Amino acid sequence: MFVMSEIDRPLLLRLPEHCEKQSLLEKFLSTVLPDQRSILGHLQIRLPGGQHVVVGAPCDHPARITLNNWRAVTRVLSRGPLGFAEGFMAGDWDTDSLQSLLDFLGDNVAARPHKLRGSAWQRLLDVMKHRLNRNSKRGSRRNIAYHYDLGNEFYKQWLDPSMSYSAALFESTDEALEVAQRRKYEHLCELTDVNSGHDVLEIGCGWGGLLEVLADEGCSAKGISISKEQVDYAAQRLFDRPGVTSMLQDYRDETGSYDRVLSIEMFEAVGMEYWDTFAANLNRLLAPGGVAGMQVITMDEPGFNSYSRNPDFIQRYIFPGGMLPTVTHLHELMDRHGMKLTQVFRFGDDYARTLNIWRERFNRQWDEIRPLGFDERFRRMWNYYLCYCITGFQRGITDVVQIRIEKA
């Protein structure tokens, strides 16, 4: 058995004798795991040669990882968390429960984020790539198409019938997802006092779920999106609903004046460079005395600095150009542009539940999804995306809020 230094050696770490690639494994473990008595949970690692490493105190539901080759380790050492995700996508490692493994890492890696960053050169390349995804009008169309133009048939397979791709708001443990999605829309309308006499703009209307609720409320409503797939679907969905329309349009090109401006999980795609542009346009679009309501995924305050400097898996592979704000950022942003954020409603646990339902449906429908043109790498990537997000919401690293914004 090789011996790590007393400073670096995680407690309760059992390693096999004559371990293959000892120095590489030692560096990997001392990078990923916290020191001494701070390990939470139990991890079983199967090495490429069949040997086992056990970390942490025994428990009934350990996390497990099988390293199929040593690239799984070298990717992490060179690229940090991104390398870990890429290793799973490439099949360099497997697990019998991706969620349990990411939960274990979420509990432990957070203790030393400064050590799990990969090489400085690789971090620089990742930052440069992220900055190339800036959300100019042209860049926004490209970034949104990357994710949402995977095809309506793809999303139909695993979203609920309302085609809602954002956090649901649950009232009970056995409630259907579609019911909880409808409640989310209604709650945002209640938060902003929407009524039938209002002219409403929705920025980022998706497939038309909120527009449908606004039509039921008797509002005059316009939804805009820069995803052609979504706009076409919403237009067909709402063709017989008078006073409600969807248009392919950037929010920066809208010229109307509205009593209410609503937006659900669109702000995350704006990009930090354009936060002030968004807020200035929001103020411009609100009529005097107008109110805005937004649903936004937020980052916890302590983790934001590291997150904003190191593009993560979501920014690299799922939502290019995206950036999550903190609630403090949202308050300060609205203040700078003549508005006040007056109410915040948090429901991050509901997002974890929503994501888990999506994950189950995605995997159950995989045999229908695969013929649409998606391969095994995509299946692994999408599972990693959903599980990664569940871990974030369950641990409070990320949250989701509905906010009320009043024009000063």
Protein backbone atom coordinates (compact mmCIF):
# COMPACT_ATOMS: atom_id res chain seq x y z
CA MET A 1 0.00 0.00 0.00
CA PHE A 2 1.39 3.42 -0.86
CA VAL A 3 1.26 6.18 1.71
CA MET A 4 0.15 9.77 1.14
CA SER A 5 1.44 12.57 3.34
CA GLU A 6 -0.37 13.24 6.60
CA ILE A 7 -1.35 16.63 5.22
CA ASP A 8 -2.90 15.36 2.00
CA ARG A 9 -4.13 11.89 2.96
CA PRO A 10 -7.93 11.68 3.22
CA LEU A 11 -9.05 9.84 6.33
CA LEU A 12 -10.60 6.40 5.92
CA LEU A 13 -8.93 5.90 2.55
CA ARG A 14 -8.03 2.29 1.80
CA LEU A 15 -5.82 1.60 -1.21
CA PRO A 16 -4.72 -1.75 -2.65
CA GLU A 17 -1.17 -3.03 -2.41
CA HIS A 18 1.02 -2.69 -5.52
CA CYS A 19 -1.45 -0.23 -6.96
CA GLU A 20 -1.11 0.57 -10.66
CA LYS A 21 -0.07 4.16 -11.45
CA GLN A 22 0.26 5.02 -7.75
CA SER A 23 1.51 8.59 -8.17
CA LEU A 24 -1.22 9.45 -10.68
CA LEU A 25 -3.92 8.05 -8.42
CA GLU A 26 -2.47 9.80 -5.38
CA LYS A 27 -2.53 13.14 -7.17
CA PHE A 28 -6.09 12.53 -8.35
CA LEU A 29 -7.40 11.64 -4.89
CA SER A 30 -5.64 14.48 -3.11
CA THR A 31 -7.04 16.89 -5.70
CA VAL A 32 -10.64 15.68 -5.63
CA LEU A 33 -11.19 14.81 -1.96
CA PRO A 34 -11.07 16.98 1.15
CA ASP A 35 -8.52 16.38 3.87
CA GLN A 36 -8.69 14.47 7.13
CA ARG A 37 -12.11 14.17 8.76
CA SER A 38 -14.16 16.23 6.33
CA ILE A 39 -15.13 13.46 3.90
CA LEU A 40 -18.91 13.13 3.70
CA GLY A 41 -20.41 9.84 2.57
CA HIS A 42 -18.74 6.78 1.09
CA LEU A 43 -17.15 6.24 -2.33
CA GLN A 44 -16.03 3.00 -3.95
CA ILE A 45 -13.61 3.32 -6.89
CA ARG A 46 -12.85 0.45 -9.26
CA LEU A 47 -9.55 1.02 -11.05
CA PRO A 48 -8.86 0.04 -14.69
CA GLY A 49 -6.93 -3.02 -13.51
CA GLY A 50 -9.81 -4.26 -11.36
CA GLN A 51 -8.45 -3.12 -7.99
CA HIS A 52 -10.66 -1.19 -5.58
CA VAL A 53 -10.20 2.00 -3.57
CA VAL A 54 -12.58 2.76 -0.72
CA VAL A 55 -13.08 6.29 0.59
CA GLY A 56 -15.06 7.36 3.65
CA ALA A 57 -16.99 5.49 6.31
CA PRO A 58 -19.22 2.60 5.18
CA CYS A 59 -22.88 3.41 4.57
CA ASP A 60 -25.97 1.75 3.12
CA HIS A 61 -25.91 3.64 -0.19
CA PRO A 62 -22.33 4.30 -1.30
CA ALA A 63 -21.43 6.18 -4.45
CA ARG A 64 -19.52 4.09 -6.99
CA ILE A 65 -17.34 4.85 -9.97
CA THR A 66 -15.62 2.46 -12.38
CA LEU A 67 -12.58 3.90 -14.16
CA ASN A 68 -12.53 2.18 -17.55
CA ASN A 69 -9.14 3.70 -18.39
CA TRP A 70 -6.64 6.16 -16.94
CA ARG A 71 -7.84 8.95 -19.22
CA ALA A 72 -10.65 9.37 -16.69
CA VAL A 73 -8.00 10.55 -14.21
CA THR A 74 -5.79 12.59 -16.53
CA ARG A 75 -8.82 14.48 -17.87
CA VAL A 76 -9.67 15.63 -14.35
CA LEU A 77 -6.10 16.67 -13.59
CA SER A 78 -5.85 18.69 -16.80
CA ARG A 79 -9.41 20.05 -17.13
CA GLY A 80 -10.93 19.85 -13.66
CA PRO A 81 -14.72 19.38 -13.44
CA LEU A 82 -15.08 19.80 -17.21
CA GLY A 83 -12.67 16.91 -17.71
CA PHE A 84 -14.70 14.77 -15.34
CA ALA A 85 -17.87 15.43 -17.35
CA GLU A 86 -16.10 14.86 -20.66
CA GLY A 87 -14.75 11.56 -19.36
CA PHE A 88 -18.29 10.36 -18.67
CA MET A 89 -19.48 11.51 -22.09
CA ALA A 90 -16.59 9.62 -23.71
CA GLY A 91 -17.17 6.45 -21.68
CA ASP A 92 -13.89 6.72 -19.75
CA TRP A 93 -15.80 6.01 -16.55
CA ASP A 94 -19.15 4.57 -15.52
CA THR A 95 -21.31 4.39 -12.43
CA ASP A 96 -24.39 2.51 -11.31
CA SER A 97 -25.91 5.78 -10.04
CA LEU A 98 -24.76 9.01 -11.62
CA GLN A 99 -26.91 10.99 -9.22
CA SER A 100 -25.36 9.39 -6.12
CA LEU A 101 -21.86 9.99 -7.46
CA LEU A 102 -22.48 13.66 -8.30
CA ASP A 103 -24.13 14.14 -4.92
CA PHE A 104 -21.04 12.70 -3.20
CA LEU A 105 -18.79 15.00 -5.20
CA GLY A 106 -21.09 17.95 -4.59
CA ASP A 107 -20.77 17.39 -0.85
CA ASN A 108 -16.99 17.00 -0.93
CA VAL A 109 -15.42 18.84 -3.85
CA ALA A 110 -16.99 22.11 -2.70
CA ALA A 111 -14.57 21.98 0.22
CA ARG A 112 -11.63 22.69 -2.10
CA PRO A 113 -12.80 24.33 -5.35
CA HIS A 114 -9.39 26.00 -5.77
CA LYS A 115 -7.71 22.60 -6.25
CA LEU A 116 -10.10 21.18 -8.85
CA ARG A 117 -9.61 23.64 -11.68
CA GLY A 118 -7.29 21.82 -14.06
CA SER A 119 -4.26 23.41 -15.64
CA ALA A 120 -3.98 27.19 -15.92
CA TRP A 121 -3.48 26.90 -19.70
CA GLN A 122 -6.62 24.82 -20.12
CA ARG A 123 -8.62 27.20 -17.95
CA LEU A 124 -7.50 30.08 -20.15
CA LEU A 125 -8.63 28.25 -23.28
CA ASP A 126 -12.02 27.49 -21.72
CA VAL A 127 -12.50 31.13 -20.70
CA MET A 128 -11.60 32.28 -24.22
CA LYS A 129 -14.10 29.85 -25.75
CA HIS A 130 -16.80 31.05 -23.36
CA ARG A 131 -16.15 34.69 -24.23
CA LEU A 132 -16.52 33.90 -27.92
CA ASN A 133 -20.12 32.93 -27.12
CA ARG A 134 -21.07 36.55 -26.35
CA ASN A 135 -24.76 37.32 -26.67
CA SER A 136 -24.86 39.96 -29.35
CA LYS A 137 -27.99 39.70 -31.48
CA ARG A 138 -26.25 37.33 -33.86
CA GLY A 139 -24.50 35.46 -31.05
CA SER A 140 -27.73 35.05 -29.11
CA ARG A 141 -29.44 33.42 -32.09
CA ARG A 142 -26.53 31.01 -32.47
CA ASN A 143 -26.38 30.16 -28.76
CA ILE A 144 -30.13 29.62 -28.44
CA ALA A 145 -30.27 27.49 -31.58
CA TYR A 146 -27.53 25.27 -30.12
CA HIS A 147 -29.90 24.16 -27.38
CA TYR A 148 -33.51 24.79 -28.35
CA ASP A 149 -33.32 23.85 -32.01
CA LEU A 150 -32.53 20.23 -31.16
CA GLY A 151 -36.06 19.78 -32.44
CA ASN A 152 -39.58 19.96 -31.07
CA GLU A 153 -39.95 16.20 -31.42
CA PHE A 154 -37.00 15.70 -29.08
CA TYR A 155 -38.50 17.88 -26.35
CA LYS A 156 -41.97 16.38 -26.81
CA GLN A 157 -40.59 13.01 -25.78
CA TRP A 158 -39.81 13.98 -22.20
CA LEU A 159 -41.44 17.32 -21.31
CA ASP A 160 -45.02 17.39 -20.06
CA PRO A 161 -47.86 18.08 -22.54
CA SER A 162 -47.63 21.84 -21.89
CA MET A 163 -44.04 21.77 -23.25
CA SER A 164 -42.81 23.69 -20.22
CA TYR A 165 -39.01 23.68 -19.96
CA SER A 166 -38.54 25.45 -16.62
CA ALA A 167 -39.07 24.75 -12.92
CA ALA A 168 -42.54 23.58 -11.93
CA LEU A 169 -44.18 24.63 -8.65
CA PHE A 170 -45.51 21.62 -6.74
CA GLU A 171 -48.20 21.66 -4.07
CA SER A 172 -48.12 17.97 -3.07
CA THR A 173 -45.82 14.97 -3.38
CA ASP A 174 -48.06 13.12 -5.83
CA GLU A 175 -48.97 16.04 -8.08
CA ALA A 176 -48.65 15.61 -11.84
CA LEU A 177 -45.91 17.63 -13.52
CA GLU A 178 -48.35 19.29 -15.92
CA VAL A 179 -50.46 20.58 -13.02
CA ALA A 180 -47.37 21.91 -11.24
CA GLN A 181 -46.21 23.64 -14.42
CA ARG A 182 -49.55 25.39 -14.76
CA ARG A 183 -49.27 26.52 -11.12
CA LYS A 184 -45.85 28.05 -11.86
CA TYR A 185 -47.36 30.22 -14.60
CA GLU A 186 -50.33 31.21 -12.45
CA HIS A 187 -48.07 32.09 -9.53
CA LEU A 188 -46.03 34.47 -11.69
CA CYS A 189 -49.25 36.12 -12.88
CA GLU A 190 -50.45 36.48 -9.28
CA LEU A 191 -47.08 37.86 -8.18
CA THR A 192 -47.38 40.61 -10.79
CA ASP A 193 -51.16 41.20 -10.46
CA VAL A 194 -51.86 40.38 -14.10
CA ASN A 195 -55.48 41.00 -15.12
CA SER A 196 -57.57 40.85 -18.28
CA GLY A 197 -57.11 44.54 -19.03
CA HIS A 198 -53.34 44.33 -19.32
CA ASP A 199 -51.14 44.38 -22.39
CA VAL A 200 -48.44 41.80 -21.64
CA LEU A 201 -45.09 41.06 -23.24
CA GLU A 202 -43.33 37.77 -22.60
CA ILE A 203 -39.60 37.78 -23.34
CA GLY A 204 -38.48 34.27 -24.22
CA CYS A 205 -41.89 32.67 -24.73
CA GLY A 206 -40.67 29.12 -25.28
CA TRP A 207 -43.32 26.84 -26.73
CA GLY A 208 -46.18 29.04 -25.52
CA GLY A 209 -47.10 27.65 -22.09
CA LEU A 210 -47.37 31.00 -20.33
CA LEU A 211 -49.01 32.62 -23.36
CA GLU A 212 -51.74 30.00 -23.13
CA VAL A 213 -52.37 30.92 -19.48
CA LEU A 214 -52.42 34.62 -20.39
CA ALA A 215 -54.98 33.86 -23.10
CA ASP A 216 -57.13 32.12 -20.49
CA GLU A 217 -56.84 35.25 -18.32
CA GLY A 218 -58.19 37.34 -21.20
CA CYS A 219 -55.02 39.38 -21.65
CA SER A 220 -53.66 40.86 -24.81
CA ALA A 221 -50.25 39.20 -24.96
CA LYS A 222 -47.25 39.03 -27.25
CA GLY A 223 -44.51 36.45 -26.84
CA ILE A 224 -41.10 36.82 -28.44
CA SER A 225 -38.29 34.31 -28.86
CA ILE A 226 -35.22 33.92 -31.04
CA SER A 227 -35.79 30.18 -31.46
CA LYS A 228 -37.64 29.52 -34.71
CA GLU A 229 -38.57 26.00 -33.57
CA GLN A 230 -40.30 27.41 -30.49
CA VAL A 231 -42.04 30.30 -32.22
CA ASP A 232 -43.47 28.06 -34.94
CA TYR A 233 -44.78 25.63 -32.32
CA ALA A 234 -46.29 28.41 -30.18
CA ALA A 235 -47.94 30.03 -33.21
CA GLN A 236 -49.65 26.76 -34.14
CA ARG A 237 -50.67 26.18 -30.54
CA LEU A 238 -52.24 29.63 -30.18
CA PHE A 239 -53.67 30.16 -33.68
CA ASP A 240 -57.28 30.21 -32.41
CA ARG A 241 -56.60 32.37 -29.33
CA PRO A 242 -57.45 35.99 -30.21
CA GLY A 243 -55.17 38.68 -28.86
CA VAL A 244 -52.22 36.36 -28.21
CA THR A 245 -49.30 36.09 -30.64
CA SER A 246 -45.75 34.76 -30.81
CA MET A 247 -43.00 36.32 -32.90
CA LEU A 248 -39.40 35.55 -33.86
CA GLN A 249 -37.75 38.62 -32.39
CA ASP A 250 -34.92 39.77 -30.13
CA TYR A 251 -35.99 41.67 -27.01
CA ARG A 252 -33.70 44.52 -28.06
CA ASP A 253 -35.85 45.09 -31.16
CA GLU A 254 -39.20 45.37 -29.37
CA THR A 255 -40.72 48.87 -29.52
CA GLY A 256 -44.03 48.56 -27.66
CA SER A 257 -45.10 49.72 -24.21
CA TYR A 258 -46.61 47.17 -21.83
CA ASP A 259 -48.42 47.05 -18.51
CA ARG A 260 -46.65 43.82 -17.66
CA VAL A 261 -43.43 42.25 -18.93
CA LEU A 262 -42.88 38.62 -17.97
CA SER A 263 -39.95 36.30 -18.55
CA ILE A 264 -39.29 32.73 -17.44
CA GLU A 265 -35.71 31.43 -17.29
CA MET A 266 -34.56 33.58 -20.17
CA PHE A 267 -32.31 35.96 -18.23
CA GLU A 268 -29.77 33.17 -17.65
CA ALA A 269 -29.04 33.21 -21.40
CA VAL A 270 -28.50 37.00 -21.60
CA GLY A 271 -24.85 36.84 -20.52
CA MET A 272 -23.24 39.05 -17.87
CA GLU A 273 -21.95 41.46 -20.51
CA TYR A 274 -25.56 42.23 -21.50
CA TRP A 275 -27.29 42.32 -18.12
CA ASP A 276 -27.44 46.12 -18.16
CA THR A 277 -28.68 46.09 -21.75
CA PHE A 278 -31.51 43.78 -20.73
CA ALA A 279 -32.48 45.90 -17.71
CA ALA A 280 -32.41 49.13 -19.72
CA ASN A 281 -34.74 47.57 -22.29
CA LEU A 282 -36.99 46.20 -19.57
CA ASN A 283 -37.42 49.70 -18.14
CA ARG A 284 -38.06 51.08 -21.63
CA LEU A 285 -40.73 48.49 -22.40
CA LEU A 286 -42.66 48.98 -19.15
CA ALA A 287 -45.40 51.60 -19.23
CA PRO A 288 -45.50 54.11 -16.35
CA GLY A 289 -46.56 52.18 -13.25
CA GLY A 290 -45.78 48.91 -15.02
CA VAL A 291 -44.62 45.73 -13.32
CA ALA A 292 -42.28 43.00 -14.51
CA GLY A 293 -42.12 39.42 -13.31
CA MET A 294 -39.21 37.10 -13.92
CA GLN A 295 -38.36 33.51 -13.07
CA VAL A 296 -34.59 33.21 -12.81
CA ILE A 297 -32.10 30.50 -11.84
CA THR A 298 -29.61 32.03 -9.41
CA MET A 299 -26.17 31.15 -8.08
CA ASP A 300 -25.38 31.21 -4.37
CA GLU A 301 -23.43 34.28 -3.25
CA PRO A 302 -20.28 32.49 -1.93
CA GLY A 303 -19.81 30.46 -5.10
CA PHE A 304 -20.35 33.18 -7.69
CA ASN A 305 -16.81 34.51 -8.03
CA SER A 306 -15.34 31.09 -8.79
CA TYR A 307 -18.28 30.20 -11.05
CA SER A 308 -18.03 33.43 -13.06
CA ARG A 309 -14.29 32.98 -13.67
CA ASN A 310 -14.35 29.29 -14.61
CA PRO A 311 -16.84 28.23 -17.32
CA ASP A 312 -18.62 25.09 -16.17
CA PHE A 313 -20.13 22.07 -17.90
CA ILE A 314 -23.47 23.83 -18.51
CA GLN A 315 -21.82 26.83 -20.16
CA ARG A 316 -19.59 24.63 -22.31
CA TYR A 317 -22.02 21.96 -23.47
CA ILE A 318 -25.62 22.95 -22.71
CA PHE A 319 -26.16 26.73 -22.70
CA PRO A 320 -23.26 28.52 -24.45
CA GLY A 321 -22.93 32.13 -23.38
CA GLY A 322 -25.03 31.70 -20.25
CA MET A 323 -24.37 33.15 -16.79
CA LEU A 324 -26.42 32.79 -13.61
CA PRO A 325 -26.77 35.91 -11.42
CA THR A 326 -27.08 36.06 -7.65
CA VAL A 327 -30.16 37.64 -6.10
CA THR A 328 -27.94 40.54 -5.04
CA HIS A 329 -26.98 41.07 -8.69
CA LEU A 330 -30.66 41.27 -9.61
CA HIS A 331 -31.40 43.84 -6.90
CA GLU A 332 -28.45 46.01 -7.91
CA LEU A 333 -29.21 45.69 -11.61
CA MET A 334 -32.79 46.90 -11.26
CA ASP A 335 -31.70 49.76 -8.99
CA ARG A 336 -29.25 50.96 -11.64
CA HIS A 337 -32.02 51.19 -14.21
CA GLY A 338 -34.79 52.95 -12.32
CA MET A 339 -36.66 49.88 -11.07
CA LYS A 340 -37.12 48.13 -7.73
CA LEU A 341 -37.09 44.41 -7.04
CA THR A 342 -39.81 44.23 -4.38
CA GLN A 343 -40.55 40.51 -3.92
CA VAL A 344 -38.54 37.29 -4.14
CA PHE A 345 -40.13 33.82 -4.07
CA ARG A 346 -37.71 30.87 -3.88
CA PHE A 347 -38.50 27.26 -4.85
CA GLY A 348 -35.25 25.49 -5.64
CA ASP A 349 -36.39 22.15 -4.20
CA ASP A 350 -39.19 22.11 -6.77
CA TYR A 351 -36.63 22.47 -9.54
CA ALA A 352 -34.72 19.43 -8.28
CA ARG A 353 -37.98 17.48 -8.41
CA THR A 354 -38.80 18.79 -11.89
CA LEU A 355 -35.37 17.79 -13.17
CA ASN A 356 -35.65 14.33 -11.68
CA ILE A 357 -38.95 13.77 -13.49
CA TRP A 358 -37.38 14.95 -16.73
CA ARG A 359 -34.43 12.59 -16.23
CA GLU A 360 -36.70 9.61 -15.66
CA ARG A 361 -38.79 10.46 -18.71
CA PHE A 362 -35.75 11.06 -20.91
CA ASN A 363 -34.29 7.65 -20.11
CA ARG A 364 -37.63 5.90 -20.39
CA GLN A 365 -38.12 7.43 -23.85
CA TRP A 366 -34.57 6.88 -25.08
CA ASP A 367 -35.59 4.24 -27.63
CA GLU A 368 -37.89 6.86 -29.19
CA ILE A 369 -35.32 9.66 -28.92
CA ARG A 370 -32.36 7.82 -30.44
CA PRO A 371 -33.89 7.49 -33.95
CA LEU A 372 -34.26 11.29 -34.03
CA GLY A 373 -30.49 11.46 -34.56
CA PHE A 374 -29.00 11.32 -31.06
CA ASP A 375 -26.12 9.02 -30.13
CA GLU A 376 -24.76 7.45 -26.95
CA ARG A 377 -22.51 10.42 -26.23
CA PHE A 378 -25.55 12.70 -26.30
CA ARG A 379 -27.47 10.36 -23.97
CA ARG A 380 -24.61 10.49 -21.48
CA MET A 381 -24.27 14.26 -21.82
CA TRP A 382 -27.99 14.86 -21.22
CA ASN A 383 -28.03 12.60 -18.19
CA TYR A 384 -24.99 14.38 -16.79
CA TYR A 385 -26.68 17.74 -17.39
CA LEU A 386 -29.86 16.77 -15.56
CA CYS A 387 -28.10 15.06 -12.63
CA TYR A 388 -25.57 17.90 -12.33
CA CYS A 389 -28.42 20.40 -12.02
CA ILE A 390 -30.30 18.25 -9.49
CA THR A 391 -27.21 18.19 -7.27
CA GLY A 392 -26.92 21.98 -7.50
CA PHE A 393 -30.51 22.65 -6.49
CA GLN A 394 -30.60 20.03 -3.73
CA ARG A 395 -27.49 21.52 -2.11
CA GLY A 396 -28.42 25.18 -2.49
CA ILE A 397 -25.56 25.89 -4.88
CA THR A 398 -28.23 27.07 -7.29
CA ASP A 399 -31.79 28.22 -6.65
CA VAL A 400 -34.74 29.39 -8.69
CA VAL A 401 -36.74 32.50 -7.88
CA GLN A 402 -39.76 34.38 -9.11
CA ILE A 403 -39.31 38.12 -8.64
CA ARG A 404 -41.55 41.17 -8.88
CA ILE A 405 -39.99 44.31 -10.36
CA GLU A 406 -41.70 47.69 -10.20
CA LYS A 407 -40.91 50.66 -12.37
CA ALA A 408 -39.85 53.48 -10.06
